PDB file of N, CA and C in Angstrom:
ATOM      1  N   UNK A   1      28.784 -11.225 -11.296  1.00  0.00           N
ATOM      2  CA  UNK A   1      28.086 -10.579  -9.876  1.00  0.00           C
ATOM      3  C   UNK A   1      27.954  -8.907 -10.301  1.00  0.00           C
ATOM      4  N   UNK A   2      29.083  -8.586 -10.958  1.00  0.00           N
ATOM      5  CA  UNK A   2      28.896  -6.824 -11.349  1.00  0.00           C
ATOM      6  C   UNK A   2      27.959  -6.786 -12.305  1.00  0.00           C
ATOM      7  N   UNK A   3      27.723  -7.824 -13.255  1.00  0.00           N
ATOM      8  CA  UNK A   3      26.706  -7.643 -14.346  1.00  0.00           C
ATOM      9  C   UNK A   3      25.222  -7.455 -13.686  1.00  0.00           C
ATOM     10  N   UNK A   4      25.195  -8.151 -12.679  1.00  0.00           N
ATOM     11  CA  UNK A   4      23.847  -8.307 -12.000  1.00  0.00           C
ATOM     12  C   UNK A   4      23.486  -6.975 -11.327  1.00  0.00           C
ATOM     13  N   UNK A   5      24.659  -6.503 -10.533  1.00  0.00           N
ATOM     14  CA  UNK A   5      24.316  -4.852  -9.777  1.00  0.00           C
ATOM     15  C   UNK A   5      24.123  -4.018 -11.063  1.00  0.00           C
ATOM     16  N   UNK A   6      24.905  -4.040 -12.300  1.00  0.00           N
ATOM     17  CA  UNK A   6      24.728  -3.111 -13.295  1.00  0.00           C
ATOM     18  C   UNK A   6      23.212  -3.302 -13.831  1.00  0.00           C
ATOM     19  N   UNK A   7      22.686  -4.346 -14.004  1.00  0.00           N
ATOM     20  CA  UNK A   7      21.392  -4.546 -14.385  1.00  0.00           C
ATOM     21  C   UNK A   7      20.412  -4.068 -13.469  1.00  0.00           C
ATOM     22  N   UNK A   8      20.584  -4.300 -12.146  1.00  0.00           N
ATOM     23  CA  UNK A   8      19.704  -4.053 -11.230  1.00  0.00           C
ATOM     24  C   UNK A   8      19.620  -2.380 -11.074  1.00  0.00           C
ATOM     25  N   UNK A   9      20.840  -1.820 -11.359  1.00  0.00           N
ATOM     26  CA  UNK A   9      20.851  -0.256 -11.329  1.00  0.00           C
ATOM     27  C   UNK A   9      20.040   0.278 -12.360  1.00  0.00           C
ATOM     28  N   UNK A  10      20.298  -0.446 -13.526  1.00  0.00           N
ATOM     29  CA  UNK A  10      19.633   0.394 -14.972  1.00  0.00           C
ATOM     30  C   UNK A  10      18.254   0.018 -14.573  1.00  0.00           C
ATOM     31  N   UNK A  11      17.648  -0.790 -13.950  1.00  0.00           N
ATOM     32  CA  UNK A  11      16.261  -0.991 -13.968  1.00  0.00           C
ATOM     33  C   UNK A  11      15.799  -0.123 -12.951  1.00  0.00           C
ATOM     34  N   UNK A  12      16.513   0.354 -11.807  1.00  0.00           N
ATOM     35  CA  UNK A  12      16.192   1.153 -10.801  1.00  0.00           C
ATOM     36  C   UNK A  12      16.102   2.241 -11.497  1.00  0.00           C
ATOM     37  N   UNK A  13      16.996   2.813 -12.446  1.00  0.00           N
ATOM     38  CA  UNK A  13      16.890   4.252 -13.221  1.00  0.00           C
ATOM     39  C   UNK A  13      15.711   4.367 -14.024  1.00  0.00           C
ATOM     40  N   UNK A  14      15.299   3.121 -14.742  1.00  0.00           N
ATOM     41  CA  UNK A  14      14.182   3.136 -15.697  1.00  0.00           C
ATOM     42  C   UNK A  14      12.959   3.356 -15.000  1.00  0.00           C
ATOM     43  N   UNK A  15      12.804   2.701 -13.766  1.00  0.00           N
ATOM     44  CA  UNK A  15      11.603   2.722 -12.800  1.00  0.00           C
ATOM     45  C   UNK A  15      11.537   4.301 -12.524  1.00  0.00           C
ATOM     46  N   UNK A  16      12.576   5.055 -12.139  1.00  0.00           N
ATOM     47  CA  UNK A  16      12.509   6.213 -11.548  1.00  0.00           C
ATOM     48  C   UNK A  16      12.149   7.361 -12.819  1.00  0.00           C
ATOM     49  N   UNK A  17      12.560   7.107 -13.872  1.00  0.00           N
ATOM     50  CA  UNK A  17      12.200   7.765 -14.936  1.00  0.00           C
ATOM     51  C   UNK A  17      10.843   7.772 -15.453  1.00  0.00           C
ATOM     52  N   UNK A  18      10.252   6.756 -15.207  1.00  0.00           N
ATOM     53  CA  UNK A  18       8.884   6.522 -15.578  1.00  0.00           C
ATOM     54  C   UNK A  18       7.903   6.824 -14.613  1.00  0.00           C
ATOM     55  N   UNK A  19       8.162   6.856 -13.275  1.00  0.00           N
ATOM     56  CA  UNK A  19       7.401   7.415 -12.442  1.00  0.00           C
ATOM     57  C   UNK A  19       7.047   8.958 -12.179  1.00  0.00           C
ATOM     58  N   UNK A  20       5.891   9.338 -11.722  1.00  0.00           N
ATOM     59  CA  UNK A  20       5.895  10.744 -11.774  1.00  0.00           C
ATOM     60  C   UNK A  20       5.183  10.940 -10.211  1.00  0.00           C
ATOM     61  N   UNK A  21       5.190  12.361  -9.609  1.00  0.00           N
ATOM     62  CA  UNK A  21       4.577  12.564  -8.645  1.00  0.00           C
ATOM     63  C   UNK A  21       2.943  12.631  -8.850  1.00  0.00           C
ATOM     64  N   UNK A  22       2.081  12.100  -7.993  1.00  0.00           N
ATOM     65  CA  UNK A  22       0.764  12.350  -8.281  1.00  0.00           C
ATOM     66  C   UNK A  22       0.301  13.627  -8.084  1.00  0.00           C
ATOM     67  N   UNK A  23      -0.881  14.072  -8.756  1.00  0.00           N
ATOM     68  CA  UNK A  23      -1.353  15.232  -8.411  1.00  0.00           C
ATOM     69  C   UNK A  23      -2.480  15.384  -7.155  1.00  0.00           C
ATOM     70  N   UNK A  24      -2.914  16.624  -6.885  1.00  0.00           N
ATOM     71  CA  UNK A  24      -3.535  16.749  -5.414  1.00  0.00           C
ATOM     72  C   UNK A  24      -4.763  15.887  -5.522  1.00  0.00           C
ATOM     73  N   UNK A  25      -5.639  15.872  -6.728  1.00  0.00           N
ATOM     74  CA  UNK A  25      -6.679  14.914  -6.728  1.00  0.00           C
ATOM     75  C   UNK A  25      -6.592  13.343  -6.679  1.00  0.00           C
ATOM     76  N   UNK A  26      -5.553  13.137  -7.247  1.00  0.00           N
ATOM     77  CA  UNK A  26      -5.004  11.648  -7.122  1.00  0.00           C
ATOM     78  C   UNK A  26      -4.637  11.316  -5.839  1.00  0.00           C
ATOM     79  N   UNK A  27      -3.762  12.082  -5.059  1.00  0.00           N
ATOM     80  CA  UNK A  27      -3.496  12.164  -3.954  1.00  0.00           C
ATOM     81  C   UNK A  27      -4.672  11.890  -3.083  1.00  0.00           C
ATOM     82  N   UNK A  28      -5.432  12.792  -3.075  1.00  0.00           N
ATOM     83  CA  UNK A  28      -6.861  12.749  -2.127  1.00  0.00           C
ATOM     84  C   UNK A  28      -7.595  11.294  -2.337  1.00  0.00           C
ATOM     85  N   UNK A  29      -7.454  11.037  -3.693  1.00  0.00           N
ATOM     86  CA  UNK A  29      -8.188   9.549  -3.850  1.00  0.00           C
ATOM     87  C   UNK A  29      -7.523   8.369  -3.095  1.00  0.00           C
ATOM     88  N   UNK A  30      -6.247   8.496  -3.376  1.00  0.00           N
ATOM     89  CA  UNK A  30      -5.489   7.236  -2.761  1.00  0.00           C
ATOM     90  C   UNK A  30      -5.642   7.305  -1.020  1.00  0.00           C
ATOM     91  N   UNK A  31      -5.594   8.625  -0.543  1.00  0.00           N
ATOM     92  CA  UNK A  31      -5.826   8.731   0.940  1.00  0.00           C
ATOM     93  C   UNK A  31      -7.273   8.077   1.306  1.00  0.00           C
ATOM     94  N   UNK A  32      -8.176   8.481   0.586  1.00  0.00           N
ATOM     95  CA  UNK A  32      -9.507   8.113   0.865  1.00  0.00           C
ATOM     96  C   UNK A  32      -9.797   6.462   0.721  1.00  0.00           C
ATOM     97  N   UNK A  33      -9.024   5.924  -0.205  1.00  0.00           N
ATOM     98  CA  UNK A  33      -9.367   4.530  -0.627  1.00  0.00           C
ATOM     99  C   UNK A  33      -8.315   3.841   0.582  1.00  0.00           C
ATOM    100  N   UNK A  34      -7.215   4.312   0.931  1.00  0.00           N
ATOM    101  CA  UNK A  34      -6.298   3.653   1.826  1.00  0.00           C
ATOM    102  C   UNK A  34      -7.215   3.790   3.254  1.00  0.00           C
ATOM    103  N   UNK A  35      -7.616   4.840   3.592  1.00  0.00           N
ATOM    104  CA  UNK A  35      -8.400   5.007   4.975  1.00  0.00           C
ATOM    105  C   UNK A  35      -9.501   4.260   5.010  1.00  0.00           C
ATOM    106  N   UNK A  36     -10.208   3.959   3.998  1.00  0.00           N
ATOM    107  CA  UNK A  36     -11.278   3.133   3.934  1.00  0.00           C
ATOM    108  C   UNK A  36     -10.941   1.810   3.975  1.00  0.00           C
ATOM    109  N   UNK A  37     -10.199   1.278   3.404  1.00  0.00           N
ATOM    110  CA  UNK A  37      -9.469   0.005   3.714  1.00  0.00           C
ATOM    111  C   UNK A  37      -9.120  -0.282   5.136  1.00  0.00           C
ATOM    112  N   UNK A  38      -8.385   0.624   5.695  1.00  0.00           N
ATOM    113  CA  UNK A  38      -7.980   0.488   7.112  1.00  0.00           C
ATOM    114  C   UNK A  38      -9.143   0.363   7.974  1.00  0.00           C
ATOM    115  N   UNK A  39     -10.277   1.246   7.924  1.00  0.00           N
ATOM    116  CA  UNK A  39     -11.460   1.084   8.587  1.00  0.00           C
ATOM    117  C   UNK A  39     -12.092  -0.281   8.437  1.00  0.00           C
ATOM    118  N   UNK A  40     -12.180  -0.744   7.256  1.00  0.00           N
ATOM    119  CA  UNK A  40     -12.924  -1.987   7.024  1.00  0.00           C
ATOM    120  C   UNK A  40     -12.159  -3.070   7.773  1.00  0.00           C
ATOM    121  N   UNK A  41     -10.696  -3.239   7.519  1.00  0.00           N
ATOM    122  CA  UNK A  41      -9.987  -4.213   8.174  1.00  0.00           C
ATOM    123  C   UNK A  41     -10.020  -4.097   9.713  1.00  0.00           C
ATOM    124  N   UNK A  42      -9.999  -2.845  10.197  1.00  0.00           N
ATOM    125  CA  UNK A  42     -10.319  -2.546  11.671  1.00  0.00           C
ATOM    126  C   UNK A  42     -11.770  -3.374  12.243  1.00  0.00           C
ATOM    127  N   UNK A  43     -12.673  -2.887  11.429  1.00  0.00           N
ATOM    128  CA  UNK A  43     -14.131  -3.174  11.692  1.00  0.00           C
ATOM    129  C   UNK A  43     -14.129  -4.958  11.751  1.00  0.00           C
ATOM    130  N   UNK A  44     -13.497  -5.424  10.781  1.00  0.00           N
ATOM    131  CA  UNK A  44     -13.593  -6.911  10.666  1.00  0.00           C
ATOM    132  C   UNK A  44     -12.881  -7.456  11.929  1.00  0.00           C
ATOM    133  N   UNK A  45     -11.825  -6.787  12.303  1.00  0.00           N
ATOM    134  CA  UNK A  45     -11.067  -7.235  13.486  1.00  0.00           C
ATOM    135  C   UNK A  45     -11.699  -7.056  14.805  1.00  0.00           C
ATOM    136  N   UNK A  46     -12.551  -5.922  14.705  1.00  0.00           N
ATOM    137  CA  UNK A  46     -13.424  -5.614  15.952  1.00  0.00           C
ATOM    138  C   UNK A  46     -14.536  -6.787  15.941  1.00  0.00           C
ATOM    139  N   UNK A  47     -14.994  -7.213  14.936  1.00  0.00           N
ATOM    140  CA  UNK A  47     -16.085  -8.066  14.902  1.00  0.00           C
ATOM    141  C   UNK A  47     -15.489  -9.614  15.450  1.00  0.00           C
ATOM    142  N   UNK A  48     -14.377  -9.873  14.838  1.00  0.00           N
ATOM    143  CA  UNK A  48     -13.790 -11.014  15.191  1.00  0.00           C
ATOM    144  C   UNK A  48     -13.654 -11.074  16.633  1.00  0.00           C
ATOM    145  N   UNK A  49     -13.107 -10.110  17.369  1.00  0.00           N
ATOM    146  CA  UNK A  49     -12.750  -9.933  18.917  1.00  0.00           C
ATOM    147  C   UNK A  49     -14.036 -10.065  19.674  1.00  0.00           C
ATOM    148  N   UNK A  50     -15.251  -9.411  18.982  1.00  0.00           N
ATOM    149  CA  UNK A  50     -16.360  -9.503  19.810  1.00  0.00           C
ATOM    150  C   UNK A  50     -17.037 -10.868  19.720  1.00  0.00           C
ATOM    151  N   UNK A  51     -16.970 -11.451  18.632  1.00  0.00           N
ATOM    152  CA  UNK A  51     -17.454 -12.696  18.563  1.00  0.00           C
ATOM    153  C   UNK A  51     -16.727 -13.963  19.361  1.00  0.00           C
ATOM    154  N   UNK A  52     -15.461 -13.546  19.389  1.00  0.00           N
ATOM    155  CA  UNK A  52     -14.333 -14.274  20.174  1.00  0.00           C
ATOM    156  C   UNK A  52     -14.810 -14.355  21.678  1.00  0.00           C
ATOM    157  N   UNK A  53     -15.127 -13.080  22.228  1.00  0.00           N
ATOM    158  CA  UNK A  53     -15.471 -12.844  23.452  1.00  0.00           C
ATOM    159  C   UNK A  53     -16.557 -13.256  24.028  1.00  0.00           C
ATOM    160  N   UNK A  54     -17.738 -13.380  23.016  1.00  0.00           N
ATOM    161  CA  UNK A  54     -19.067 -13.763  23.380  1.00  0.00           C
ATOM    162  C   UNK A  54     -19.221 -15.254  23.420  1.00  0.00           C
ATOM    163  N   UNK A  55     -18.321 -15.979  22.715  1.00  0.00           N
ATOM    164  CA  UNK A  55     -18.375 -17.383  22.515  1.00  0.00           C
ATOM    165  C   UNK A  55     -17.671 -18.202  23.517  1.00  0.00           C
ATOM    166  N   UNK A  56     -16.796 -17.292  24.565  1.00  0.00           N
ATOM    167  CA  UNK A  56     -16.198 -17.897  25.720  1.00  0.00           C
ATOM    168  C   UNK A  56     -16.795 -17.656  26.851  1.00  0.00           C
TER     169      UNK A  56
END
């Protein structure tokens, strides 16, 4: 059990050393893509709601 915890902690340390803070341009791109995805999913949900309301 203790070896599993040590292994997990060493993997966590390895991940934290590899990762880095994104630059401003990368951050803006991530925000744009995420926002576009949210809008698309919302639009699909709205269409499903309208189709459901019109079919009843």
